[in-house]
Structures are given as C-alpha cells and as structure tokens.
Amino acid sequence: MNVENDWEQRKFSDIASRESVSRESSYDLPSLEYEDVIAEEGRLNKDISLKENIKKGIVFDGSQVLYGKLRPYLHNWLNPDFSGVAVGDWWVLKPNNADKSFIYRLIQTQRFDDIANQSAGSKMPRADWNLVSNTEFAVPVSQEEQEKIGEYFSSLDHLITLHQRQHKLHLNALL
C-alpha cells in the first residue's frame, strides 16, 4: 500500500457544505445559541429542550456539525446528535462524502482556526466562507479511516472528561 496516496488535498467545500434552510424553533426543534455551548469543549451547558423562547435559525438534524463563525477565535463548535435550530452566526456543515466526526475534528485544528480567523470585520469578525471553503486540507481518502480518526479523538475526549471528574471528586473529598 502506498502511504502517500492514503491522504489527499481536498477543498473544504468538497468535504462539507453549508445548510441554509431556515425555520422557527419549536418543541421538536429547540433553538441553539452561542450561550448554550461551552466554548472549546463543544458541549451544551443546559438542556436546550427546556427553552421556551421561539427563535428563527438554520435547521439541523444531527447529521451535521455546527461551527460558530462569529469571532472564530472563541472556538464555538458542536457535534449534535439531535435536531434543532441554530440561531445566530453558526455554519451548519453537512458532510459531503466525508465522515461527520472527522469534519468535527478538522474544524478544531490549528490550520482551520488560522484560516477562519482571517476574517472580515473588526468589532464583530466573522469567518469568511469563501476563504474557508476554498482552502485545501489533508484528508484521508478512506471514509473508514476518517471515521477511525474521529472515533479516536472522541474516545480521548471521553477519557479526559472522566479523568477530570475523578479529579474533582477526589479534590472534593479532601476538602
């Protein structure tokens, strides 16, 4: 097997596209806003299904990845396994012949961050889709390998979270 051919350079727009179907939130489609996500951790900080306010945003069904394009240096991202409405400055990214968990990890890389932060606007900088979508990234040719990479980092995140919880419990027991 030739290792050089296992990965290829692909434009971001070849592996992910932006969804744009807009709708109001509802009981079945809760609204998701920046304030609901823990930055750099990609986790919700509350049960968004309990939110009662009706807001309009971009529909997602759990098959996409969410990326916060406003002030990209804040690192707002989410890999939802539920449906909802992304309110505000989110990109709802649909994988195109690519693994969802791999896309989720790709948007967290330093290279993606560097490109996304070459943004427009000074007070409210936003990532530029034209720039990001036309940037090439190294991507495994095999979707199976993409999936393995995504799963590996998910497992690593899970282990870190467990370790942090154990550490907090141990610390609380000492106090």
Protein backbone atom coordinates (compact mmCIF):
# COMPACT_ATOMS: atom_id res chain seq x y z
CA MET A 1 0.00 0.00 0.00
CA ASN A 2 1.40 3.40 -0.96
CA VAL A 3 1.17 5.66 2.08
CA GLU A 4 1.36 8.85 0.01
CA ASN A 5 -1.94 8.00 -1.68
CA ASP A 6 -3.79 7.35 1.59
CA TRP A 7 -4.39 11.08 2.11
CA GLU A 8 -5.20 13.79 -0.40
CA GLN A 9 -5.58 17.55 -0.51
CA ARG A 10 -9.26 18.49 -0.81
CA LYS A 11 -11.05 21.82 -0.71
CA PHE A 12 -13.17 22.19 2.39
CA SER A 13 -16.22 22.72 0.15
CA ASP A 14 -15.60 19.25 -1.32
CA ILE A 15 -16.00 17.59 2.09
CA ALA A 16 -18.60 19.89 3.72
CA SER A 17 -21.32 22.24 2.52
CA ARG A 18 -23.35 24.85 4.36
CA GLU A 19 -27.01 24.19 5.09
CA SER A 20 -29.31 27.19 4.85
CA VAL A 21 -32.92 26.04 5.45
CA SER A 22 -34.37 28.47 7.97
CA ARG A 23 -37.19 27.77 10.42
CA GLU A 24 -38.60 28.82 13.79
CA SER A 25 -37.72 26.79 16.84
CA SER A 26 -40.37 24.58 18.42
CA TYR A 27 -40.78 21.83 20.99
CA ASP A 28 -39.32 19.33 18.48
CA LEU A 29 -36.69 21.76 17.19
CA PRO A 30 -35.18 23.65 20.14
CA SER A 31 -33.13 26.76 19.50
CA LEU A 32 -29.36 26.53 19.94
CA GLU A 33 -27.41 29.73 20.55
CA TYR A 34 -23.79 30.56 21.32
CA GLU A 35 -24.64 30.97 25.00
CA ASP A 36 -25.82 27.33 25.14
CA VAL A 37 -22.42 25.87 24.19
CA ILE A 38 -19.26 25.65 26.28
CA ALA A 39 -16.59 27.21 24.06
CA GLU A 40 -13.61 24.99 23.16
CA GLU A 41 -15.40 21.98 24.67
CA GLY A 42 -18.26 21.53 22.23
CA ARG A 43 -20.75 20.61 24.94
CA LEU A 44 -24.11 22.06 25.92
CA ASN A 45 -24.27 23.88 29.24
CA LYS A 46 -28.02 23.35 29.65
CA ASP A 47 -30.95 21.29 28.44
CA ILE A 48 -31.99 23.35 25.40
CA SER A 49 -35.24 21.39 25.07
CA LEU A 50 -36.48 23.32 28.13
CA LYS A 51 -36.07 26.69 26.40
CA GLU A 52 -39.45 28.27 25.69
CA ASN A 53 -38.47 31.21 23.50
CA ILE A 54 -39.24 30.94 19.79
CA LYS A 55 -36.36 31.98 17.55
CA LYS A 56 -35.56 31.61 13.87
CA GLY A 57 -32.42 29.91 12.66
CA ILE A 58 -30.91 27.24 10.42
CA VAL A 59 -32.33 23.75 10.83
CA PHE A 60 -30.02 20.85 11.69
CA ASP A 61 -30.98 17.20 12.16
CA GLY A 62 -27.97 15.69 13.92
CA SER A 63 -26.19 14.68 10.73
CA GLN A 64 -24.30 17.98 10.55
CA VAL A 65 -21.59 19.76 12.53
CA LEU A 66 -22.06 23.30 13.87
CA TYR A 67 -19.30 25.90 13.67
CA GLY A 68 -19.55 29.36 15.23
CA LYS A 69 -18.42 31.78 12.52
CA LEU A 70 -18.74 34.92 14.68
CA ARG A 71 -15.46 35.64 16.45
CA PRO A 72 -14.00 32.30 15.35
CA TYR A 73 -11.20 32.63 17.92
CA LEU A 74 -13.83 31.84 20.59
CA HIS A 75 -13.96 28.24 19.30
CA ASN A 76 -17.70 27.60 19.36
CA TRP A 77 -18.44 24.24 17.80
CA LEU A 78 -20.82 21.35 18.39
CA ASN A 79 -21.28 17.82 17.05
CA PRO A 80 -25.00 17.39 17.82
CA ASP A 81 -26.80 14.06 17.88
CA PHE A 82 -30.20 15.77 17.96
CA SER A 83 -32.30 18.10 15.80
CA GLY A 84 -32.69 21.81 16.39
CA VAL A 85 -32.42 25.32 15.02
CA ALA A 86 -29.01 27.06 15.05
CA VAL A 87 -29.71 30.69 15.98
CA GLY A 88 -27.18 33.39 15.20
CA ASP A 89 -23.86 33.10 13.46
CA TRP A 90 -23.50 29.35 13.01
CA TRP A 91 -22.41 27.44 9.97
CA VAL A 92 -24.42 24.22 9.77
CA LEU A 93 -21.94 21.98 7.95
CA LYS A 94 -23.19 18.92 6.10
CA PRO A 95 -20.51 16.30 5.36
CA ASN A 96 -20.11 15.51 1.63
CA ASN A 97 -18.56 12.08 1.14
CA ALA A 98 -16.81 12.59 4.45
CA ASP A 99 -17.27 11.34 7.99
CA LYS A 100 -19.12 13.72 10.34
CA SER A 101 -16.80 13.11 13.29
CA PHE A 102 -13.76 13.74 11.08
CA ILE A 103 -15.22 17.09 9.93
CA TYR A 104 -15.88 17.94 13.59
CA ARG A 105 -12.21 17.31 14.43
CA LEU A 106 -10.99 19.13 11.33
CA ILE A 107 -12.75 22.38 12.34
CA GLN A 108 -10.83 22.23 15.62
CA THR A 109 -7.38 22.07 14.02
CA GLN A 110 -4.89 24.91 14.13
CA ARG A 111 -4.88 25.13 10.33
CA PHE A 112 -8.68 25.56 10.18
CA ASP A 113 -8.50 28.08 13.03
CA ASP A 114 -5.83 30.11 11.24
CA ILE A 115 -7.93 30.28 8.05
CA ALA A 116 -11.21 31.02 9.85
CA ASN A 117 -9.57 33.85 11.78
CA GLN A 118 -8.54 35.63 8.59
CA SER A 119 -11.96 37.16 8.94
CA ALA A 120 -13.92 40.17 7.81
CA GLY A 121 -14.96 42.88 10.28
CA SER A 122 -13.04 44.29 13.21
CA LYS A 123 -15.53 44.63 16.08
CA MET A 124 -17.56 41.57 15.10
CA PRO A 125 -15.17 39.47 12.98
CA ARG A 126 -16.74 36.56 11.11
CA ALA A 127 -15.09 33.69 9.33
CA ASP A 128 -15.24 34.10 5.55
CA TRP A 129 -16.95 31.11 3.89
CA ASN A 130 -15.39 31.87 0.51
CA LEU A 131 -11.90 31.71 2.03
CA VAL A 132 -12.57 28.65 4.22
CA SER A 133 -14.46 26.69 1.55
CA ASN A 134 -11.67 27.14 -1.00
CA THR A 135 -8.86 26.16 1.38
CA GLU A 136 -7.36 22.71 0.88
CA PHE A 137 -6.92 20.34 3.80
CA ALA A 138 -5.23 16.94 4.02
CA VAL A 139 -8.00 14.32 4.23
CA PRO A 140 -7.81 10.52 4.35
CA VAL A 141 -9.14 9.05 1.10
CA SER A 142 -10.90 6.27 3.01
CA GLN A 143 -14.06 7.27 4.88
CA GLU A 144 -13.34 4.32 7.18
CA GLU A 145 -10.04 5.93 8.17
CA GLN A 146 -11.79 9.29 8.67
CA GLU A 147 -14.27 7.53 10.96
CA LYS A 148 -11.47 5.88 12.95
CA ILE A 149 -9.74 9.24 13.45
CA GLY A 150 -12.99 10.86 14.60
CA GLU A 151 -13.72 7.96 16.99
CA TYR A 152 -10.17 8.05 18.38
CA PHE A 153 -10.44 11.71 19.33
CA SER A 154 -13.95 11.22 20.74
CA SER A 155 -12.62 8.41 22.95
CA LEU A 156 -9.75 10.61 24.04
CA ASP A 157 -12.16 13.44 24.94
CA HIS A 158 -14.27 10.95 26.91
CA LEU A 159 -11.22 9.72 28.86
CA ILE A 160 -10.16 13.29 29.64
CA THR A 161 -13.67 14.12 30.88
CA LEU A 162 -13.71 11.03 33.11
CA HIS A 163 -10.28 11.88 34.48
CA GLN A 164 -11.37 15.46 35.24
CA ARG A 165 -14.50 14.20 37.05
CA GLN A 166 -12.44 11.77 39.14
CA HIS A 167 -10.00 14.54 39.96
CA LYS A 168 -12.88 16.84 41.10
CA LEU A 169 -14.38 14.06 43.23
CA HIS A 170 -11.00 13.37 44.82
CA LEU A 171 -10.47 17.11 45.45
CA ASN A 172 -13.94 17.49 46.98
CA ALA A 173 -13.29 14.51 49.25
CA LEU A 174 -10.11 16.18 50.51
CA LEU A 175 -11.95 19.43 51.28
